[in-house]
Amino acid sequence: MKNRNNYLSGFIIALLLLTQFPLLEAKKNEAPSKRPNIILINADDLGYADPSCYGGKLFTTPNIDLLAEEGVRFTDAYVSAPVCSPSRHGLLTGSYQQRFGIQWNHDTWKIKHRQNERVVPIDHKHINLAFSDAGYVTAIAGKYNLEGYPETSFDHEFSLTSAGSNYFPEADGRYLGVDGVPKPKGGFQMMMWGPEREGDEYLTDRCGRQSVEFIQKNKDKPFFLYLAFNAVHTPLHAKKEHLPKVSHIQSEVMKLYAAMAISIDENVGKIIEVLEKENLRENTIIVFVSDNGPANSAHLRIPEWWPKDTPYHLLGQCAPLSGYKGTLREGGIRIPYIISWPSQLAKGKEINQAVSTLDLYPTLCAAADVKTPANTHLDGVNLLPWLRGNYSEDPHKALFWYANRMGAARMGKWKFLVEDNRHYLFDLENDISESKNVMKQNPEVMQEIFEAYIHFRNEMPACRNPFIRPIDIKSPDVIDLPIIEAK
């Protein structure tokens, strides 16, 4: 009897062990017991191929690369617009910004006779408000570029910029263009190595430090942090201490740009470090994206400060993509896009289907079990099934872009483009550089994608400020494009 009992006991123990190991294996895909923290990092004008994990050669980005190693890297990820403010509207509203009449930066500006009109209706809630409603504490550090500046709907605000700003403080500690402080009357000094005074804090480091302090103060609560670096946007201000790391670069413009990108990476590292120190890393979702592609001297109308002898015309790296910020070529709208969530996602995964920053709103809400607010229309897709599985179908049947006379659509491997009143069809699978127009060879594909694009355009209202022509706007974020209203 004793032997039989021992046998039964041993069998039960073995059975328990056998059942427990599969549970450990499956733990990765189970919902965490505590809601995940969210950190959404948005760089400004960073090129698709700037991070080392996307092929960057001019400088290294070990901390951004670490996010890709620990998470999922998207190869075909897009923003909803090729310039700052419309792109950020798409990201934070989860909706095509054209639904609000926003096609270009100037559409987000207030017009005197419409001072009380809101750009985004009050009942359409930005993503941070959805998380606030769910009990998260929210914060923004860096570039806002939406209406209401310097006020936002976040619980906490740090180093807020609207567009351009100085990266080093004045003697009195204020940063021109930050937290409501006016910009310099004569314009920014566009190229500068600093600081001029020992101990002055570089703005990118300031945003990083304030983000770290926010995490430490709120480590016992679920939090949503939007870390919107204003680097590598002009003015080109960088730290002298990084000169040795960029000494191999010939162009003075690109030396400054590279040093600014290195500072972004260093502060990403500080975020990862504090999460590990506070035992938060496993259940924190970190997203890293850029708001559009890199600027170009042509996009900046070849300003007077641009060095005449520089061999570079493009700020940043996006090869083999063509185009740049302000265009709907791949280099203007395709971006680095990484999602890391160590406790839930496989490491080192790569996804090649086309996705959008519009998808972040529904994806992050789904991951945190946060409800989409009423009257908030989302055009994005919840990417969790793709992040956790191996789905072969595309998340989107099509993605669309348009502003003024520019327009584009992507369906599978096909890219339709309207540029300078000319129509193009590109096979991105075989021609990522968009060098060969295959419209005539594929008339049925062209007809389908063109009709889908026209349907999307006709669904949208006219741009909010159709009578302001970009040529008259003194802004480095605007190129000379003719205006056309949606039908």
Protein backbone atom coordinates (compact mmCIF):
# COMPACT_ATOMS: atom_id res chain seq x y z
CA MET A 1 0.00 0.00 0.00
CA LYS A 2 2.88 2.29 0.92
CA ASN A 3 4.58 1.65 -2.43
CA ARG A 4 1.32 2.33 -4.24
CA ASN A 5 0.90 5.64 -2.43
CA ASN A 6 4.48 6.58 -3.29
CA TYR A 7 3.79 5.70 -6.91
CA LEU A 8 0.64 7.83 -6.96
CA SER A 9 2.44 10.74 -5.30
CA GLY A 10 5.24 10.54 -7.82
CA PHE A 11 2.77 10.37 -10.71
CA ILE A 12 0.90 13.44 -9.45
CA ILE A 13 4.15 15.41 -9.03
CA ALA A 14 5.29 14.44 -12.53
CA LEU A 15 1.91 15.38 -13.96
CA LEU A 16 2.07 18.76 -12.26
CA LEU A 17 5.55 19.42 -13.63
CA LEU A 18 4.50 18.47 -17.14
CA THR A 19 1.53 20.81 -16.97
CA GLN A 20 3.49 23.66 -15.47
CA PHE A 21 6.20 23.87 -18.12
CA PRO A 22 3.76 24.54 -20.98
CA LEU A 23 2.20 27.24 -18.82
CA LEU A 24 5.61 28.86 -18.42
CA GLU A 25 6.07 28.67 -22.16
CA ALA A 26 2.69 30.25 -22.77
CA LYS A 27 3.20 33.01 -20.22
CA LYS A 28 4.55 35.33 -22.91
CA ASN A 29 1.14 35.54 -24.55
CA GLU A 30 -0.92 35.92 -21.39
CA ALA A 31 -2.18 39.32 -20.31
CA PRO A 32 0.00 40.85 -17.57
CA SER A 33 -1.53 41.02 -14.10
CA LYS A 34 -0.83 44.79 -14.00
CA ARG A 35 -1.64 47.18 -16.79
CA PRO A 36 1.46 48.05 -18.80
CA ASN A 37 3.11 51.44 -18.68
CA ILE A 38 3.31 53.23 -22.02
CA ILE A 39 6.24 55.30 -23.31
CA LEU A 40 5.73 56.73 -26.79
CA ILE A 41 8.95 58.26 -28.15
CA ASN A 42 8.62 60.48 -31.22
CA ALA A 43 11.79 61.90 -32.78
CA ASP A 44 11.57 64.97 -35.02
CA ASP A 45 12.72 64.67 -38.67
CA LEU A 46 14.81 61.53 -38.06
CA GLY A 47 15.56 59.64 -41.27
CA TYR A 48 14.38 56.08 -41.93
CA ALA A 49 17.94 54.76 -42.13
CA ASP A 50 19.44 56.84 -39.30
CA PRO A 51 19.23 54.16 -36.55
CA SER A 52 21.91 51.50 -36.91
CA CYS A 53 19.22 48.79 -36.83
CA TYR A 54 17.78 50.34 -40.02
CA GLY A 55 21.13 50.43 -41.79
CA GLY A 56 22.57 53.73 -40.51
CA LYS A 57 26.32 54.05 -41.11
CA LEU A 58 27.25 57.62 -40.10
CA PHE A 59 26.77 57.07 -36.35
CA THR A 60 25.64 54.32 -33.99
CA THR A 61 22.41 54.10 -31.99
CA PRO A 62 22.98 51.23 -29.50
CA ASN A 63 19.97 52.03 -27.31
CA ILE A 64 17.46 52.33 -30.15
CA ASP A 65 18.97 49.12 -31.51
CA LEU A 66 18.39 47.48 -28.12
CA LEU A 67 14.68 48.26 -28.37
CA ALA A 68 14.63 46.48 -31.74
CA GLU A 69 16.56 43.52 -30.31
CA GLU A 70 14.11 43.25 -27.41
CA GLY A 71 10.99 43.82 -29.50
CA VAL A 72 9.49 44.18 -32.95
CA ARG A 73 10.94 46.23 -35.80
CA PHE A 74 8.69 47.29 -38.69
CA THR A 75 10.32 47.71 -42.09
CA ASP A 76 7.35 49.29 -43.91
CA ALA A 77 5.98 51.79 -41.41
CA TYR A 78 4.54 55.17 -42.26
CA VAL A 79 3.39 58.47 -40.81
CA SER A 80 0.15 60.05 -42.00
CA ALA A 81 1.86 63.23 -43.30
CA PRO A 82 5.36 64.28 -44.41
CA VAL A 83 5.54 67.37 -42.15
CA CYS A 84 5.42 67.88 -38.39
CA SER A 85 2.04 69.16 -37.22
CA PRO A 86 -0.25 67.07 -39.50
CA SER A 87 1.79 63.98 -38.67
CA ARG A 88 1.45 64.62 -34.94
CA HIS A 89 -2.29 65.17 -35.30
CA GLY A 90 -2.57 61.77 -36.96
CA LEU A 91 -0.47 60.11 -34.25
CA LEU A 92 -2.29 61.59 -31.25
CA THR A 93 -5.84 61.48 -32.64
CA GLY A 94 -5.54 58.07 -34.32
CA SER A 95 -7.42 59.56 -37.26
CA TYR A 96 -6.42 60.78 -40.69
CA GLN A 97 -5.81 64.45 -39.96
CA GLN A 98 -7.56 65.37 -43.23
CA ARG A 99 -10.83 64.56 -41.43
CA PHE A 100 -10.22 67.77 -39.49
CA GLY A 101 -9.27 69.76 -42.59
CA ILE A 102 -5.55 69.43 -41.83
CA GLN A 103 -3.36 68.83 -44.86
CA TRP A 104 -0.29 70.94 -44.08
CA ASN A 105 1.24 72.83 -41.15
CA HIS A 106 -0.62 76.04 -41.86
CA ASP A 107 -3.98 74.26 -41.56
CA THR A 108 -3.39 73.93 -37.82
CA TRP A 109 -2.99 77.67 -37.32
CA LYS A 110 -5.66 79.94 -35.87
CA ILE A 111 -7.20 82.50 -38.22
CA LYS A 112 -8.31 85.82 -36.68
CA HIS A 113 -11.94 85.56 -37.72
CA ARG A 114 -12.08 81.95 -36.44
CA GLN A 115 -10.30 82.33 -33.10
CA ASN A 116 -12.83 80.26 -31.17
CA GLU A 117 -12.89 77.38 -33.62
CA ARG A 118 -11.17 74.17 -32.54
CA VAL A 119 -8.94 72.33 -34.98
CA VAL A 120 -9.94 68.93 -33.54
CA PRO A 121 -13.52 68.69 -32.18
CA ILE A 122 -13.64 68.55 -28.39
CA ASP A 123 -15.48 65.20 -28.38
CA HIS A 124 -12.66 63.52 -30.34
CA LYS A 125 -10.20 62.64 -27.60
CA HIS A 126 -6.46 62.45 -28.08
CA ILE A 127 -4.81 59.20 -27.01
CA ASN A 128 -3.54 60.61 -23.72
CA LEU A 129 -7.12 61.47 -22.70
CA ALA A 130 -8.22 57.91 -23.37
CA PHE A 131 -5.52 56.75 -20.95
CA SER A 132 -6.41 59.48 -18.44
CA ASP A 133 -10.00 58.24 -18.45
CA ALA A 134 -8.67 54.75 -17.68
CA GLY A 135 -6.77 55.94 -14.60
CA TYR A 136 -3.33 56.45 -16.10
CA VAL A 137 -1.20 59.45 -15.13
CA THR A 138 -0.03 61.15 -18.34
CA ALA A 139 2.87 63.40 -19.27
CA ILE A 140 4.43 65.04 -22.32
CA ALA A 141 8.03 66.15 -22.68
CA GLY A 142 9.18 68.07 -25.75
CA LYS A 143 7.43 69.05 -28.96
CA TYR A 144 3.65 69.44 -28.90
CA ASN A 145 2.89 71.28 -32.18
CA LEU A 146 -0.89 71.09 -31.68
CA GLU A 147 -3.38 73.81 -30.87
CA GLY A 148 -3.41 75.30 -27.39
CA TYR A 149 0.36 75.55 -26.90
CA PRO A 150 1.75 76.08 -24.28
CA GLU A 151 -1.25 74.33 -22.69
CA THR A 152 -1.99 70.66 -23.34
CA SER A 153 -4.42 68.00 -22.15
CA PHE A 154 -1.67 65.97 -20.42
CA ASP A 155 -1.47 65.80 -16.62
CA HIS A 156 2.17 66.91 -16.62
CA GLU A 157 4.12 69.00 -19.14
CA PHE A 158 7.90 69.32 -19.49
CA SER A 159 10.01 71.49 -21.81
CA LEU A 160 7.17 72.13 -24.24
CA THR A 161 8.00 73.42 -27.70
CA SER A 162 5.60 74.31 -30.47
CA ALA A 163 8.02 74.04 -33.39
CA GLY A 164 11.59 75.37 -33.41
CA SER A 165 13.51 76.26 -30.24
CA ASN A 166 17.00 76.82 -28.92
CA TYR A 167 18.69 73.73 -27.49
CA PHE A 168 20.81 75.70 -25.01
CA PRO A 169 19.43 78.13 -22.40
CA GLU A 170 19.94 81.86 -22.11
CA ALA A 171 21.96 83.28 -19.22
CA ASP A 172 18.74 83.53 -17.18
CA GLY A 173 18.00 79.82 -17.68
CA ARG A 174 15.14 80.26 -20.16
CA TYR A 175 15.11 78.35 -23.46
CA LEU A 176 13.88 80.49 -26.35
CA GLY A 177 10.86 78.76 -27.92
CA VAL A 178 10.26 76.51 -24.89
CA ASP A 179 7.41 76.59 -22.35
CA GLY A 180 5.85 79.67 -23.92
CA VAL A 181 9.07 81.71 -24.00
CA PRO A 182 9.13 83.67 -27.30
CA LYS A 183 11.50 82.70 -30.08
CA PRO A 184 14.42 85.05 -30.88
CA LYS A 185 13.22 88.07 -32.87
CA GLY A 186 16.00 87.81 -35.41
CA GLY A 187 15.56 84.08 -35.90
CA PHE A 188 17.56 81.19 -34.54
CA GLN A 189 21.31 80.82 -34.91
CA MET A 190 21.08 77.77 -37.11
CA MET A 191 24.43 76.04 -36.49
CA MET A 192 26.04 75.95 -33.05
CA TRP A 193 28.16 73.76 -30.81
CA GLY A 194 27.57 74.26 -27.09
CA PRO A 195 27.14 74.92 -24.35
CA GLU A 196 28.73 78.33 -24.14
CA ARG A 197 28.46 78.26 -20.32
CA GLU A 198 29.61 75.26 -18.32
CA GLY A 199 26.70 73.44 -16.73
CA ASP A 200 24.03 74.57 -19.20
CA GLU A 201 21.69 71.66 -19.93
CA TYR A 202 21.11 70.57 -23.52
CA LEU A 203 17.38 70.52 -24.28
CA THR A 204 17.33 66.89 -25.43
CA ASP A 205 19.03 65.91 -22.15
CA ARG A 206 16.54 68.08 -20.26
CA CYS A 207 13.59 66.23 -21.83
CA GLY A 208 15.27 62.93 -21.02
CA ARG A 209 15.99 63.91 -17.40
CA GLN A 210 12.46 65.16 -16.81
CA SER A 211 11.07 61.95 -18.29
CA VAL A 212 13.26 59.87 -15.97
CA GLU A 213 12.07 61.89 -12.97
CA PHE A 214 8.45 61.45 -14.04
CA ILE A 215 8.92 57.67 -14.23
CA GLN A 216 10.54 57.57 -10.78
CA LYS A 217 7.76 59.64 -9.20
CA ASN A 218 5.01 57.54 -10.77
CA LYS A 219 6.55 54.07 -10.63
CA ASP A 220 3.70 52.75 -8.48
CA LYS A 221 0.98 53.92 -10.90
CA PRO A 222 0.27 53.05 -14.51
CA PHE A 223 1.62 55.91 -16.63
CA PHE A 224 1.51 57.15 -20.21
CA LEU A 225 4.56 59.20 -21.24
CA TYR A 226 4.78 60.96 -24.60
CA LEU A 227 8.46 61.81 -25.06
CA ALA A 228 8.52 63.99 -28.18
CA PHE A 229 12.12 64.98 -28.78
CA ASN A 230 12.39 68.14 -30.88
CA ALA A 231 15.75 66.88 -32.15
CA VAL A 232 16.89 66.52 -34.92
CA HIS A 233 14.77 69.45 -36.13
CA THR A 234 16.51 72.75 -36.85
CA PRO A 235 18.15 74.81 -35.47
CA LEU A 236 21.18 72.51 -35.56
CA HIS A 237 22.55 72.78 -32.03
CA ALA A 238 24.69 69.99 -30.65
CA LYS A 239 27.00 69.26 -27.71
CA LYS A 240 30.74 69.83 -28.03
CA GLU A 241 31.40 66.60 -26.16
CA HIS A 242 30.08 64.66 -29.16
CA LEU A 243 32.58 66.16 -31.61
CA PRO A 244 34.96 63.17 -31.33
CA LYS A 245 32.11 60.80 -32.25
CA VAL A 246 31.34 62.69 -35.48
CA SER A 247 34.83 63.82 -36.52
CA HIS A 248 34.82 61.35 -39.42
CA ILE A 249 31.89 63.16 -41.09
CA GLN A 250 32.98 65.67 -43.74
CA SER A 251 29.95 67.97 -43.72
CA GLU A 252 29.62 70.43 -40.82
CA VAL A 253 25.85 70.25 -41.23
CA MET A 254 25.84 66.48 -40.91
CA LYS A 255 28.24 66.56 -37.96
CA LEU A 256 25.70 68.62 -36.05
CA TYR A 257 22.81 66.43 -37.19
CA ALA A 258 24.63 63.24 -36.20
CA ALA A 259 25.52 64.61 -32.77
CA MET A 260 21.87 65.55 -32.21
CA ALA A 261 20.77 62.03 -33.14
CA ILE A 262 23.39 60.56 -30.79
CA SER A 263 21.86 62.63 -27.97
CA ILE A 264 18.44 61.15 -28.74
CA ASP A 265 19.89 57.66 -28.48
CA GLU A 266 21.66 58.42 -25.21
CA ASN A 267 18.42 59.59 -23.64
CA VAL A 268 16.58 56.52 -24.89
CA GLY A 269 19.25 54.65 -22.95
CA LYS A 270 18.48 56.67 -19.80
CA ILE A 271 14.80 55.69 -20.12
CA ILE A 272 15.67 52.00 -20.43
CA GLU A 273 18.07 52.25 -17.49
CA VAL A 274 15.56 53.78 -15.08
CA LEU A 275 12.90 51.23 -16.08
CA GLU A 276 15.31 48.41 -15.29
CA LYS A 277 16.36 50.04 -12.01
CA GLU A 278 12.74 50.43 -10.90
CA ASN A 279 11.83 46.90 -12.08
CA LEU A 280 9.39 48.29 -14.67
CA ARG A 281 11.03 47.27 -17.92
CA GLU A 282 9.28 43.94 -18.44
CA ASN A 283 5.80 45.41 -18.36
CA THR A 284 6.48 48.74 -20.07
CA ILE A 285 5.66 49.20 -23.74
CA ILE A 286 8.19 51.45 -25.47
CA VAL A 287 7.38 52.72 -28.94
CA PHE A 288 10.01 54.52 -31.01
CA VAL A 289 9.03 56.42 -34.18
CA SER A 290 9.87 59.57 -36.13
CA ASP A 291 7.33 62.19 -37.22
CA ASN A 292 8.49 62.24 -40.86
CA GLY A 293 11.61 61.89 -42.98
CA PRO A 294 14.73 64.09 -42.89
CA ALA A 295 14.79 67.66 -44.16
CA ASN A 296 16.56 68.67 -47.35
CA SER A 297 18.23 71.91 -48.42
CA ALA A 298 15.64 72.13 -51.22
CA HIS A 299 12.84 71.63 -48.69
CA LEU A 300 14.37 74.46 -46.64
CA ARG A 301 14.56 76.58 -49.82
CA ILE A 302 18.39 76.37 -49.62
CA PRO A 303 18.74 78.86 -46.77
CA GLU A 304 21.56 81.36 -46.52
CA TRP A 305 23.11 79.55 -43.56
CA TRP A 306 23.54 76.30 -45.49
CA PRO A 307 27.30 75.86 -46.11
CA LYS A 308 28.07 76.33 -49.79
CA ASP A 309 30.80 73.70 -49.84
CA THR A 310 28.86 70.93 -48.09
CA PRO A 311 28.68 67.69 -50.12
CA TYR A 312 25.36 66.81 -48.46
CA HIS A 313 21.97 68.17 -49.39
CA LEU A 314 19.98 65.83 -47.19
CA LEU A 315 19.86 66.04 -43.40
CA GLY A 316 19.79 62.45 -42.29
CA GLN A 317 19.96 59.03 -43.90
CA CYS A 318 17.10 57.36 -45.74
CA ALA A 319 18.80 55.49 -48.60
CA PRO A 320 17.76 53.50 -50.55
CA LEU A 321 14.52 55.48 -50.26
CA SER A 322 13.96 58.49 -52.49
CA GLY A 323 12.49 61.79 -51.31
CA TYR A 324 12.64 63.62 -48.00
CA LYS A 325 10.52 65.62 -45.56
CA GLY A 326 7.74 67.52 -47.31
CA THR A 327 7.35 64.95 -50.10
CA LEU A 328 5.23 61.81 -50.39
CA ARG A 329 8.12 59.76 -51.69
CA GLU A 330 9.12 56.94 -49.35
CA GLY A 331 11.89 59.02 -47.78
CA GLY A 332 9.34 61.59 -46.62
CA ILE A 333 6.80 59.25 -45.02
CA ARG A 334 8.49 55.90 -44.24
CA ILE A 335 10.00 55.92 -40.76
CA PRO A 336 11.77 53.77 -38.16
CA TYR A 337 9.05 52.12 -36.06
CA ILE A 338 9.84 49.86 -33.10
CA ILE A 339 7.62 48.39 -30.38
CA SER A 340 9.19 46.73 -27.33
CA TRP A 341 7.26 44.94 -24.56
CA PRO A 342 9.60 42.33 -23.04
CA SER A 343 7.01 40.39 -21.02
CA GLN A 344 4.66 39.96 -23.97
CA LEU A 345 6.44 40.19 -27.31
CA ALA A 346 9.04 38.01 -28.97
CA LYS A 347 12.54 39.41 -29.23
CA GLY A 348 14.07 40.49 -32.51
CA LYS A 349 10.93 40.06 -34.58
CA GLU A 350 10.59 41.84 -37.93
CA ILE A 351 7.28 42.70 -39.60
CA ASN A 352 7.24 43.64 -43.29
CA GLN A 353 3.59 44.55 -43.81
CA ALA A 354 2.69 48.21 -44.18
CA VAL A 355 1.59 49.87 -40.93
CA SER A 356 0.97 53.45 -39.82
CA THR A 357 1.41 55.62 -36.75
CA LEU A 358 -2.41 55.78 -36.90
CA ASP A 359 -2.29 52.22 -35.58
CA LEU A 360 -0.64 53.17 -32.29
CA TYR A 361 -3.82 54.56 -30.72
CA PRO A 362 -5.89 51.34 -31.07
CA THR A 363 -2.89 49.08 -30.45
CA LEU A 364 -1.81 50.71 -27.19
CA CYS A 365 -5.40 50.91 -25.97
CA ALA A 366 -5.91 47.22 -26.67
CA ALA A 367 -2.65 46.31 -24.92
CA ALA A 368 -3.67 48.24 -21.80
CA ASP A 369 -7.38 47.31 -21.93
CA VAL A 370 -8.28 50.98 -22.41
CA LYS A 371 -11.60 51.73 -24.08
CA THR A 372 -11.76 53.94 -27.16
CA PRO A 373 -13.60 57.11 -26.09
CA ALA A 374 -17.07 57.72 -27.50
CA ASN A 375 -17.24 59.93 -30.61
CA THR A 376 -13.56 59.24 -31.34
CA HIS A 377 -13.08 57.89 -34.85
CA LEU A 378 -9.95 55.77 -35.30
CA ASP A 379 -8.54 55.00 -38.75
CA GLY A 380 -5.79 52.78 -37.38
CA VAL A 381 -5.72 49.04 -36.77
CA ASN A 382 -4.98 47.12 -33.56
CA LEU A 383 -1.62 45.52 -34.37
CA LEU A 384 -1.52 43.13 -31.39
CA PRO A 385 -2.43 40.07 -33.51
CA TRP A 386 0.53 40.83 -35.79
CA LEU A 387 2.85 41.62 -32.89
CA ARG A 388 1.99 38.37 -31.12
CA GLY A 389 1.43 36.12 -34.10
CA ASN A 390 2.66 35.63 -37.63
CA TYR A 391 -0.12 37.00 -39.79
CA SER A 392 0.51 36.94 -43.52
CA GLU A 393 -2.36 39.25 -44.46
CA ASP A 394 -1.81 43.00 -44.45
CA PRO A 395 -3.21 45.03 -41.53
CA HIS A 396 -4.47 47.62 -44.05
CA LYS A 397 -6.10 47.13 -47.42
CA ALA A 398 -4.74 50.59 -48.25
CA LEU A 399 -3.03 53.61 -46.69
CA PHE A 400 -3.55 57.13 -48.03
CA TRP A 401 -1.86 60.53 -48.05
CA TYR A 402 -2.63 63.87 -49.62
CA ALA A 403 -1.90 67.56 -49.22
CA ASN A 404 -2.42 70.29 -51.79
CA ARG A 405 -1.70 68.70 -55.18
CA MET A 406 0.35 65.85 -53.70
CA GLY A 407 -1.22 62.49 -53.06
CA ALA A 408 -0.32 58.84 -52.55
CA ALA A 409 -1.75 55.46 -51.70
CA ARG A 410 -0.22 52.11 -50.83
CA MET A 411 -1.95 48.79 -51.47
CA GLY A 412 0.20 45.75 -50.80
CA LYS A 413 3.42 46.15 -52.74
CA TRP A 414 1.97 48.91 -54.94
CA LYS A 415 2.44 52.64 -54.40
CA PHE A 416 0.43 55.25 -56.28
CA LEU A 417 1.85 58.78 -56.32
CA VAL A 418 0.62 62.15 -57.57
CA GLU A 419 3.52 64.56 -57.85
CA ASP A 420 3.81 67.74 -59.92
CA ASN A 421 0.50 66.84 -61.64
CA ARG A 422 1.96 63.53 -62.82
CA HIS A 423 0.77 60.07 -61.88
CA TYR A 424 3.09 57.21 -60.94
CA LEU A 425 2.76 53.57 -59.98
CA PHE A 426 5.68 51.90 -58.22
CA ASP A 427 6.29 48.27 -57.33
CA LEU A 428 7.94 48.77 -53.93
CA GLU A 429 8.76 45.10 -53.60
CA ASN A 430 11.12 45.34 -56.57
CA ASP A 431 11.76 49.10 -56.71
CA ILE A 432 12.03 50.57 -53.22
CA SER A 433 13.75 53.66 -54.65
CA GLU A 434 10.66 54.53 -56.74
CA SER A 435 12.74 54.85 -59.88
CA LYS A 436 10.52 53.11 -62.46
CA ASN A 437 6.93 54.13 -63.24
CA VAL A 438 5.06 50.91 -64.11
CA MET A 439 1.64 52.50 -64.54
CA LYS A 440 1.25 51.55 -68.21
CA GLN A 441 2.34 47.98 -67.62
CA ASN A 442 -0.26 47.48 -64.86
CA PRO A 443 -3.46 49.29 -65.92
CA GLU A 444 -5.83 47.23 -63.76
CA VAL A 445 -3.76 47.80 -60.62
CA MET A 446 -3.52 51.48 -61.47
CA GLN A 447 -7.26 51.76 -61.90
CA GLU A 448 -8.01 50.05 -58.58
CA ILE A 449 -5.55 52.07 -56.51
CA PHE A 450 -6.47 55.35 -58.22
CA GLU A 451 -10.18 54.83 -57.59
CA ALA A 452 -9.49 54.02 -53.92
CA TYR A 453 -7.40 57.19 -53.61
CA ILE A 454 -10.10 59.36 -55.23
CA HIS A 455 -12.73 57.84 -52.94
CA PHE A 456 -10.60 58.72 -49.92
CA ARG A 457 -10.06 62.27 -51.15
CA ASN A 458 -13.73 62.84 -51.81
CA GLU A 459 -14.57 61.61 -48.32
CA MET A 460 -12.55 64.41 -46.72
CA PRO A 461 -13.42 68.10 -46.21
CA ALA A 462 -11.43 70.95 -47.75
CA CYS A 463 -8.31 72.13 -45.98
CA ARG A 464 -8.98 74.57 -43.15
CA ASN A 465 -6.87 77.45 -44.45
CA PRO A 466 -7.08 77.26 -48.26
CA PHE A 467 -6.25 80.92 -48.82
CA ILE A 468 -2.85 80.83 -47.14
CA ARG A 469 -0.26 79.87 -49.69
CA PRO A 470 2.85 78.12 -48.37
CA ILE A 471 5.12 80.40 -50.42
CA ASP A 472 4.04 83.31 -48.17
CA ILE A 473 4.70 81.47 -44.91
CA LYS A 474 8.06 82.05 -43.24
CA SER A 475 8.56 78.58 -41.87
CA PRO A 476 11.23 75.94 -42.49
CA ASP A 477 8.51 73.28 -42.44
CA VAL A 478 6.73 74.45 -45.59
CA ILE A 479 7.59 74.06 -49.25
CA ASP A 480 6.04 75.91 -52.17
CA LEU A 481 3.03 73.87 -53.24
CA PRO A 482 -0.05 75.02 -55.12
CA ILE A 483 -3.30 74.79 -53.19
CA ILE A 484 -6.18 72.58 -54.23
CA GLU A 485 -9.34 71.90 -52.29
CA ALA A 486 -10.88 68.46 -51.90
CA LYS A 487 -14.04 67.99 -53.91
